[in-house]
């Protein structure tokens, strides 16, 4: 079980640079907890995709529906005073504190691509790459062959 921030959620449902890692994370741990606030941040991400990234509005609405289906069951409402105290203590925005406070409350890691948040909450917030298990690199040598694919006679 992890807390996933809105950028991780977006990487999972919108194809992009981090989608492969988000998919790998989901296959390793499918229980992603989120504060109710994720809905607002996710809508903002979609708005930016429509406004600046060329995503059609109908597609954004479909993505929102998909995300709601995937993540709504694992929403937790945060206490505003707890979030504000944590934001002040950690020197982060109240938006980021929604996720970090939830991770603290549940005693589970927060997975984020936000380096500032990782630095502000070490031991609590960690990068996506830290959770993705990659296959080990093989140390095998390939036979030297013709680089152009033609057989030698």
N, C-alpha and C. Protein backbone atom coordinates (compact mmCIF):
# COMPACT_ATOMS: atom_id res chain seq x y z
N UNK A 1 0.85 -1.18 0.00
CA UNK A 1 0.00 0.00 0.00
C UNK A 1 0.89 1.24 0.00
N UNK A 2 0.55 2.20 -0.87
CA UNK A 2 1.28 3.46 -0.96
C UNK A 2 0.27 4.61 -1.06
N UNK A 3 0.76 5.82 -0.86
CA UNK A 3 0.02 7.02 -1.24
C UNK A 3 0.64 7.47 -2.55
N UNK A 4 -0.19 7.69 -3.56
CA UNK A 4 0.27 8.17 -4.86
C UNK A 4 -0.19 9.61 -5.04
N UNK A 5 0.73 10.49 -5.42
CA UNK A 5 0.30 11.87 -5.64
C UNK A 5 -0.32 12.00 -7.03
N UNK A 6 -0.85 13.16 -7.31
CA UNK A 6 -1.62 13.36 -8.55
C UNK A 6 -0.77 13.16 -9.80
N UNK A 7 0.51 13.44 -9.73
CA UNK A 7 1.37 13.23 -10.89
C UNK A 7 1.57 11.75 -11.18
N UNK A 8 1.62 10.94 -10.15
CA UNK A 8 1.72 9.49 -10.34
C UNK A 8 0.41 8.98 -10.94
N UNK A 9 -0.71 9.46 -10.42
CA UNK A 9 -2.01 9.06 -10.96
C UNK A 9 -2.10 9.44 -12.43
N UNK A 10 -1.67 10.65 -12.76
CA UNK A 10 -1.71 11.10 -14.15
C UNK A 10 -0.80 10.25 -15.04
N UNK A 11 0.38 9.93 -14.54
CA UNK A 11 1.29 9.10 -15.32
C UNK A 11 0.70 7.73 -15.60
N UNK A 12 -0.13 7.26 -14.69
CA UNK A 12 -0.75 5.95 -14.87
C UNK A 12 -1.86 5.97 -15.93
N UNK A 13 -2.63 7.03 -15.99
CA UNK A 13 -3.79 7.04 -16.90
C UNK A 13 -3.58 7.86 -18.17
N UNK A 14 -2.51 8.65 -18.24
CA UNK A 14 -2.22 9.45 -19.43
C UNK A 14 -0.84 9.03 -19.94
N UNK A 15 -0.78 8.55 -21.15
CA UNK A 15 0.49 8.08 -21.71
C UNK A 15 1.52 9.20 -21.73
N UNK A 16 2.71 8.88 -21.22
CA UNK A 16 3.79 9.86 -21.18
C UNK A 16 5.09 9.21 -20.77
N UNK A 17 6.07 10.04 -20.44
CA UNK A 17 7.42 9.57 -20.10
C UNK A 17 7.45 8.63 -18.90
N UNK A 18 6.57 8.84 -17.94
CA UNK A 18 6.62 8.05 -16.71
C UNK A 18 5.57 6.95 -16.65
N UNK A 19 4.85 6.75 -17.74
CA UNK A 19 3.77 5.76 -17.74
C UNK A 19 4.28 4.35 -17.50
N UNK A 20 5.39 3.98 -18.12
CA UNK A 20 5.92 2.63 -17.93
C UNK A 20 6.25 2.38 -16.47
N UNK A 21 6.88 3.36 -15.81
CA UNK A 21 7.20 3.20 -14.39
C UNK A 21 5.93 3.17 -13.54
N UNK A 22 4.95 4.00 -13.87
CA UNK A 22 3.69 4.00 -13.12
C UNK A 22 2.97 2.66 -13.29
N UNK A 23 3.00 2.10 -14.49
CA UNK A 23 2.40 0.78 -14.72
C UNK A 23 3.12 -0.30 -13.92
N UNK A 24 4.45 -0.22 -13.90
CA UNK A 24 5.23 -1.20 -13.13
C UNK A 24 4.91 -1.08 -11.64
N UNK A 25 4.79 0.14 -11.15
CA UNK A 25 4.44 0.35 -9.75
C UNK A 25 3.07 -0.24 -9.44
N UNK A 26 2.11 0.00 -10.32
CA UNK A 26 0.75 -0.50 -10.11
C UNK A 26 0.72 -2.03 -10.12
N UNK A 27 1.54 -2.64 -10.96
CA UNK A 27 1.56 -4.11 -10.99
C UNK A 27 2.23 -4.68 -9.75
N UNK A 28 3.13 -3.93 -9.14
CA UNK A 28 3.78 -4.36 -7.90
C UNK A 28 2.91 -4.10 -6.68
N UNK A 29 2.18 -2.99 -6.70
CA UNK A 29 1.36 -2.60 -5.56
C UNK A 29 0.12 -1.88 -6.08
N UNK A 30 -0.98 -2.57 -6.12
CA UNK A 30 -2.21 -2.03 -6.72
C UNK A 30 -3.05 -1.21 -5.75
N UNK A 31 -2.65 -1.15 -4.49
CA UNK A 31 -3.44 -0.41 -3.51
C UNK A 31 -2.85 0.98 -3.32
N UNK A 32 -3.40 1.94 -4.07
CA UNK A 32 -2.95 3.32 -4.04
C UNK A 32 -3.96 4.15 -3.27
N UNK A 33 -3.53 4.70 -2.16
CA UNK A 33 -4.38 5.55 -1.34
C UNK A 33 -4.20 7.01 -1.78
N UNK A 34 -5.28 7.77 -1.69
CA UNK A 34 -5.25 9.17 -2.11
C UNK A 34 -6.12 10.01 -1.20
N UNK A 35 -5.72 11.28 -0.97
CA UNK A 35 -6.63 12.18 -0.26
C UNK A 35 -7.75 12.58 -1.22
N UNK A 36 -8.89 12.95 -0.69
CA UNK A 36 -10.01 13.38 -1.54
C UNK A 36 -9.57 14.52 -2.46
N UNK A 37 -8.63 15.31 -2.00
CA UNK A 37 -8.12 16.46 -2.75
C UNK A 37 -7.54 16.07 -4.11
N UNK A 38 -7.19 14.81 -4.31
CA UNK A 38 -6.60 14.39 -5.58
C UNK A 38 -7.48 14.79 -6.75
N UNK A 39 -8.79 14.78 -6.53
CA UNK A 39 -9.72 15.09 -7.63
C UNK A 39 -9.48 16.49 -8.20
N UNK A 40 -9.24 17.44 -7.32
CA UNK A 40 -9.03 18.83 -7.75
C UNK A 40 -7.71 18.95 -8.51
N UNK A 41 -6.66 18.38 -7.95
CA UNK A 41 -5.36 18.44 -8.63
C UNK A 41 -5.40 17.72 -9.97
N UNK A 42 -6.06 16.59 -10.02
CA UNK A 42 -6.14 15.82 -11.25
C UNK A 42 -6.91 16.60 -12.32
N UNK A 43 -7.98 17.26 -11.93
CA UNK A 43 -8.72 18.09 -12.88
C UNK A 43 -7.83 19.22 -13.41
N UNK A 44 -7.00 19.78 -12.56
CA UNK A 44 -6.09 20.83 -12.98
C UNK A 44 -5.08 20.30 -13.99
N UNK A 45 -4.58 19.10 -13.75
CA UNK A 45 -3.65 18.48 -14.70
C UNK A 45 -4.33 18.30 -16.05
N UNK A 46 -5.56 17.80 -16.03
CA UNK A 46 -6.29 17.61 -17.29
C UNK A 46 -6.56 18.94 -17.98
N UNK A 47 -6.90 19.96 -17.22
CA UNK A 47 -7.13 21.29 -17.79
C UNK A 47 -5.88 21.76 -18.53
N UNK A 48 -4.70 21.55 -17.92
CA UNK A 48 -3.45 21.95 -18.57
C UNK A 48 -3.21 21.16 -19.85
N UNK A 49 -3.54 19.87 -19.84
CA UNK A 49 -3.40 19.06 -21.06
C UNK A 49 -4.31 19.58 -22.16
N UNK A 50 -5.51 19.98 -21.81
CA UNK A 50 -6.44 20.51 -22.81
C UNK A 50 -5.95 21.88 -23.29
N UNK A 51 -5.60 22.72 -22.35
CA UNK A 51 -5.24 24.11 -22.66
C UNK A 51 -3.91 24.22 -23.41
N UNK A 52 -2.92 23.44 -22.99
CA UNK A 52 -1.57 23.62 -23.53
C UNK A 52 -1.01 22.39 -24.24
N UNK A 53 -1.60 21.23 -24.03
CA UNK A 53 -1.03 20.00 -24.57
C UNK A 53 -1.78 19.40 -25.73
N UNK A 54 -2.86 20.04 -26.15
CA UNK A 54 -3.58 19.54 -27.31
C UNK A 54 -4.54 18.40 -27.06
N UNK A 55 -4.81 18.09 -25.80
CA UNK A 55 -5.77 17.02 -25.52
C UNK A 55 -7.18 17.55 -25.77
N UNK A 56 -7.98 16.83 -26.55
CA UNK A 56 -9.37 17.26 -26.75
C UNK A 56 -10.15 17.20 -25.43
N UNK A 57 -11.09 18.11 -25.27
CA UNK A 57 -11.88 18.18 -24.04
C UNK A 57 -12.62 16.87 -23.78
N UNK A 58 -13.16 16.25 -24.83
CA UNK A 58 -13.86 14.98 -24.65
C UNK A 58 -12.94 13.90 -24.11
N UNK A 59 -11.70 13.89 -24.58
CA UNK A 59 -10.71 12.91 -24.10
C UNK A 59 -10.41 13.18 -22.62
N UNK A 60 -10.27 14.44 -22.24
CA UNK A 60 -10.00 14.78 -20.85
C UNK A 60 -11.13 14.30 -19.95
N UNK A 61 -12.35 14.45 -20.40
CA UNK A 61 -13.50 13.98 -19.60
C UNK A 61 -13.50 12.46 -19.48
N UNK A 62 -13.11 11.77 -20.55
CA UNK A 62 -13.01 10.30 -20.49
C UNK A 62 -11.91 9.87 -19.52
N UNK A 63 -10.78 10.56 -19.57
CA UNK A 63 -9.67 10.25 -18.66
C UNK A 63 -10.10 10.49 -17.22
N UNK A 64 -10.82 11.58 -16.98
CA UNK A 64 -11.31 11.86 -15.63
C UNK A 64 -12.23 10.74 -15.15
N UNK A 65 -13.13 10.30 -16.00
CA UNK A 65 -14.03 9.19 -15.63
C UNK A 65 -13.23 7.93 -15.30
N UNK A 66 -12.22 7.63 -16.12
CA UNK A 66 -11.39 6.45 -15.86
C UNK A 66 -10.68 6.57 -14.52
N UNK A 67 -10.11 7.75 -14.26
CA UNK A 67 -9.39 7.96 -13.01
C UNK A 67 -10.32 7.86 -11.80
N UNK A 68 -11.51 8.42 -11.92
CA UNK A 68 -12.48 8.31 -10.82
C UNK A 68 -12.83 6.85 -10.55
N UNK A 69 -13.01 6.07 -11.62
CA UNK A 69 -13.29 4.64 -11.45
C UNK A 69 -12.14 3.92 -10.75
N UNK A 70 -10.92 4.29 -11.09
CA UNK A 70 -9.75 3.61 -10.54
C UNK A 70 -9.43 3.99 -9.10
N UNK A 71 -9.57 5.27 -8.76
CA UNK A 71 -9.01 5.75 -7.50
C UNK A 71 -10.00 6.20 -6.44
N UNK A 72 -11.26 6.39 -6.79
CA UNK A 72 -12.23 6.91 -5.82
C UNK A 72 -12.43 6.01 -4.61
N UNK A 73 -12.34 4.72 -4.81
CA UNK A 73 -12.58 3.78 -3.70
C UNK A 73 -11.53 3.90 -2.60
N UNK A 74 -10.37 4.46 -2.93
CA UNK A 74 -9.28 4.55 -1.96
C UNK A 74 -9.04 5.98 -1.47
N UNK A 75 -10.07 6.80 -1.52
CA UNK A 75 -9.97 8.18 -1.04
C UNK A 75 -10.12 8.24 0.48
N UNK A 76 -9.36 9.14 1.07
CA UNK A 76 -9.49 9.40 2.51
C UNK A 76 -9.55 10.92 2.70
N UNK A 77 -10.56 11.37 3.44
CA UNK A 77 -10.68 12.80 3.74
C UNK A 77 -9.70 13.15 4.85
N UNK A 78 -8.93 14.19 4.63
CA UNK A 78 -7.94 14.62 5.60
C UNK A 78 -8.50 15.72 6.49
N UNK A 79 -8.04 15.74 7.73
CA UNK A 79 -8.42 16.79 8.66
C UNK A 79 -7.65 18.07 8.31
N UNK A 80 -8.35 19.17 8.04
CA UNK A 80 -7.67 20.40 7.61
C UNK A 80 -6.61 20.90 8.59
N UNK A 81 -6.86 20.79 9.89
CA UNK A 81 -5.88 21.29 10.86
C UNK A 81 -4.61 20.45 10.83
N UNK A 82 -4.74 19.16 10.63
CA UNK A 82 -3.56 18.27 10.55
C UNK A 82 -2.73 18.63 9.32
N UNK A 83 -3.41 18.80 8.20
CA UNK A 83 -2.72 19.13 6.95
C UNK A 83 -2.01 20.48 7.08
N UNK A 84 -2.67 21.47 7.65
CA UNK A 84 -2.05 22.79 7.80
C UNK A 84 -0.83 22.71 8.72
N UNK A 85 -0.95 22.02 9.84
CA UNK A 85 0.20 21.87 10.75
C UNK A 85 1.38 21.20 10.04
N UNK A 86 1.08 20.14 9.31
CA UNK A 86 2.15 19.43 8.60
C UNK A 86 2.78 20.31 7.53
N UNK A 87 1.96 21.06 6.79
CA UNK A 87 2.49 21.95 5.75
C UNK A 87 3.44 22.97 6.37
N UNK A 88 3.06 23.53 7.50
CA UNK A 88 3.91 24.51 8.18
C UNK A 88 5.18 23.84 8.68
N UNK A 89 5.05 22.69 9.31
CA UNK A 89 6.21 21.97 9.86
C UNK A 89 7.21 21.60 8.77
N UNK A 90 6.70 21.09 7.65
CA UNK A 90 7.59 20.61 6.58
C UNK A 90 7.98 21.70 5.59
N UNK A 91 7.33 22.87 5.66
CA UNK A 91 7.65 23.94 4.71
C UNK A 91 7.21 23.62 3.29
N UNK A 92 6.04 22.99 3.17
CA UNK A 92 5.51 22.62 1.86
C UNK A 92 4.13 23.24 1.68
N UNK A 93 3.61 23.18 0.47
CA UNK A 93 2.27 23.71 0.23
C UNK A 93 1.23 22.82 0.91
N UNK A 94 0.09 23.39 1.15
CA UNK A 94 -1.03 22.61 1.70
C UNK A 94 -1.45 21.53 0.71
N UNK A 95 -1.29 21.82 -0.58
CA UNK A 95 -1.62 20.82 -1.60
C UNK A 95 -0.75 19.58 -1.43
N UNK A 96 0.56 19.79 -1.33
CA UNK A 96 1.47 18.66 -1.14
C UNK A 96 1.26 17.99 0.21
N UNK A 97 0.94 18.79 1.21
CA UNK A 97 0.73 18.24 2.55
C UNK A 97 -0.47 17.30 2.60
N UNK A 98 -1.43 17.46 1.72
CA UNK A 98 -2.55 16.52 1.66
C UNK A 98 -2.03 15.09 1.51
N UNK A 99 -1.10 14.91 0.60
CA UNK A 99 -0.56 13.58 0.30
C UNK A 99 0.42 13.13 1.39
N UNK A 100 1.32 14.03 1.79
CA UNK A 100 2.32 13.68 2.80
C UNK A 100 1.65 13.38 4.15
N UNK A 101 0.66 14.15 4.52
CA UNK A 101 -0.04 13.90 5.79
C UNK A 101 -0.77 12.57 5.76
N UNK A 102 -1.35 12.23 4.62
CA UNK A 102 -2.02 10.94 4.49
C UNK A 102 -1.02 9.80 4.64
N UNK A 103 0.13 9.93 4.01
CA UNK A 103 1.17 8.90 4.13
C UNK A 103 1.61 8.75 5.58
N UNK A 104 1.80 9.89 6.25
CA UNK A 104 2.19 9.86 7.67
C UNK A 104 1.11 9.19 8.50
N UNK A 105 -0.14 9.56 8.26
CA UNK A 105 -1.27 9.01 9.02
C UNK A 105 -1.38 7.49 8.85
N UNK A 106 -1.18 7.02 7.63
CA UNK A 106 -1.31 5.58 7.35
C UNK A 106 -0.03 4.80 7.60
N UNK A 107 1.08 5.51 7.78
CA UNK A 107 2.36 4.84 8.00
C UNK A 107 2.87 4.12 6.76
N UNK A 108 2.61 4.72 5.60
CA UNK A 108 3.04 4.13 4.33
C UNK A 108 3.77 5.20 3.52
N UNK A 109 4.55 4.79 2.52
CA UNK A 109 5.28 5.78 1.74
C UNK A 109 4.40 6.56 0.78
N UNK A 110 4.83 7.79 0.53
CA UNK A 110 4.24 8.64 -0.51
C UNK A 110 5.15 8.53 -1.72
N UNK A 111 4.59 8.13 -2.84
CA UNK A 111 5.36 8.04 -4.08
C UNK A 111 5.05 9.29 -4.90
N UNK A 112 6.11 9.99 -5.28
CA UNK A 112 5.96 11.26 -6.00
C UNK A 112 7.14 11.47 -6.93
N UNK A 113 6.93 12.26 -7.97
CA UNK A 113 8.04 12.67 -8.83
C UNK A 113 8.51 14.08 -8.45
N UNK A 114 7.90 14.67 -7.45
CA UNK A 114 8.21 16.02 -6.99
C UNK A 114 9.45 15.99 -6.09
N UNK A 115 10.58 16.44 -6.63
CA UNK A 115 11.83 16.38 -5.87
C UNK A 115 11.81 17.30 -4.65
N UNK A 116 11.16 18.44 -4.75
CA UNK A 116 11.08 19.34 -3.59
C UNK A 116 10.33 18.66 -2.45
N UNK A 117 9.28 17.95 -2.78
CA UNK A 117 8.50 17.24 -1.76
C UNK A 117 9.33 16.09 -1.18
N UNK A 118 10.06 15.40 -2.01
CA UNK A 118 10.94 14.33 -1.53
C UNK A 118 11.98 14.88 -0.55
N UNK A 119 12.55 16.04 -0.88
CA UNK A 119 13.56 16.65 -0.02
C UNK A 119 12.97 17.18 1.27
N UNK A 120 11.74 17.69 1.21
CA UNK A 120 11.09 18.26 2.40
C UNK A 120 10.63 17.17 3.36
N UNK A 121 10.32 16.00 2.83
CA UNK A 121 9.79 14.90 3.65
C UNK A 121 10.60 13.63 3.45
N UNK A 122 11.90 13.67 3.76
CA UNK A 122 12.71 12.47 3.56
C UNK A 122 12.23 11.35 4.48
N UNK A 123 12.29 10.15 3.97
CA UNK A 123 11.81 9.02 4.75
C UNK A 123 10.31 8.81 4.62
N UNK A 124 9.62 9.77 4.06
CA UNK A 124 8.18 9.68 3.86
C UNK A 124 7.85 9.72 2.37
N UNK A 125 8.39 10.72 1.68
CA UNK A 125 8.17 10.86 0.24
C UNK A 125 9.37 10.31 -0.51
N UNK A 126 9.09 9.50 -1.51
CA UNK A 126 10.16 8.86 -2.26
C UNK A 126 9.85 8.90 -3.76
N UNK A 127 10.90 8.85 -4.58
CA UNK A 127 10.67 8.91 -6.03
C UNK A 127 10.05 7.63 -6.57
N UNK A 128 9.34 7.78 -7.65
CA UNK A 128 8.72 6.64 -8.33
C UNK A 128 9.76 5.58 -8.66
N UNK A 129 10.91 6.01 -9.10
CA UNK A 129 11.95 5.05 -9.51
C UNK A 129 12.44 4.18 -8.36
N UNK A 130 12.29 4.64 -7.14
CA UNK A 130 12.72 3.84 -5.99
C UNK A 130 11.81 2.64 -5.75
N UNK A 131 10.61 2.69 -6.31
CA UNK A 131 9.64 1.62 -6.07
C UNK A 131 9.48 0.68 -7.25
N UNK A 132 10.07 1.04 -8.36
CA UNK A 132 9.91 0.22 -9.56
C UNK A 132 11.06 -0.76 -9.65
N UNK A 133 10.72 -2.03 -9.66
CA UNK A 133 11.73 -3.07 -9.78
C UNK A 133 12.03 -3.29 -11.25
N UNK A 134 13.26 -3.02 -11.59
CA UNK A 134 13.68 -3.24 -12.97
C UNK A 134 14.42 -4.57 -13.04
N UNK A 135 14.31 -5.26 -14.17
CA UNK A 135 15.06 -6.51 -14.30
C UNK A 135 16.55 -6.22 -14.25
N UNK A 136 17.32 -7.11 -13.63
CA UNK A 136 18.76 -6.86 -13.56
C UNK A 136 19.38 -6.88 -14.95
N UNK A 137 20.40 -6.08 -15.11
CA UNK A 137 21.11 -6.05 -16.39
C UNK A 137 21.96 -7.30 -16.50
N UNK A 138 21.93 -7.87 -17.64
CA UNK A 138 22.74 -9.07 -17.88
C UNK A 138 24.11 -8.64 -18.35
N UNK A 139 25.10 -9.32 -17.87
CA UNK A 139 26.47 -9.03 -18.24
C UNK A 139 26.95 -10.03 -19.27
N UNK A 140 26.23 -10.18 -20.32
CA UNK A 140 26.61 -11.14 -21.34
C UNK A 140 27.17 -10.40 -22.54
N UNK A 141 28.13 -11.01 -23.16
CA UNK A 141 28.72 -10.44 -24.36
C UNK A 141 28.01 -11.00 -25.57
N UNK A 142 27.76 -10.15 -26.50
CA UNK A 142 27.19 -10.61 -27.76
C UNK A 142 28.32 -10.94 -28.71
N UNK A 143 28.07 -11.92 -29.54
CA UNK A 143 29.07 -12.24 -30.55
C UNK A 143 29.15 -11.10 -31.54
N UNK A 144 30.37 -10.83 -31.93
CA UNK A 144 30.55 -9.79 -32.94
C UNK A 144 29.96 -10.30 -34.25
N UNK A 145 29.16 -9.54 -34.83
CA UNK A 145 28.53 -9.93 -36.09
C UNK A 145 28.57 -8.79 -37.07
N UNK A 146 28.05 -9.03 -38.20
CA UNK A 146 27.99 -7.99 -39.21
C UNK A 146 26.93 -6.98 -38.78
N UNK A 147 27.30 -5.74 -38.57
CA UNK A 147 26.34 -4.76 -38.07
C UNK A 147 25.23 -4.42 -39.06
N UNK A 148 25.40 -4.81 -40.30
CA UNK A 148 24.40 -4.45 -41.30
C UNK A 148 23.42 -5.58 -41.58
N UNK A 149 23.54 -6.67 -40.90
CA UNK A 149 22.56 -7.74 -40.99
C UNK A 149 22.73 -8.67 -42.17
N UNK A 150 23.76 -8.52 -42.98
CA UNK A 150 23.97 -9.43 -44.10
C UNK A 150 24.85 -10.57 -43.65
N UNK A 151 24.54 -11.72 -44.17
CA UNK A 151 25.36 -12.89 -43.83
C UNK A 151 26.65 -12.87 -44.63
N UNK A 152 27.67 -13.27 -43.95
CA UNK A 152 28.95 -13.40 -44.64
C UNK A 152 29.01 -14.77 -45.29
N UNK A 153 29.61 -14.82 -46.45
CA UNK A 153 29.75 -16.10 -47.15
C UNK A 153 31.14 -16.62 -47.03
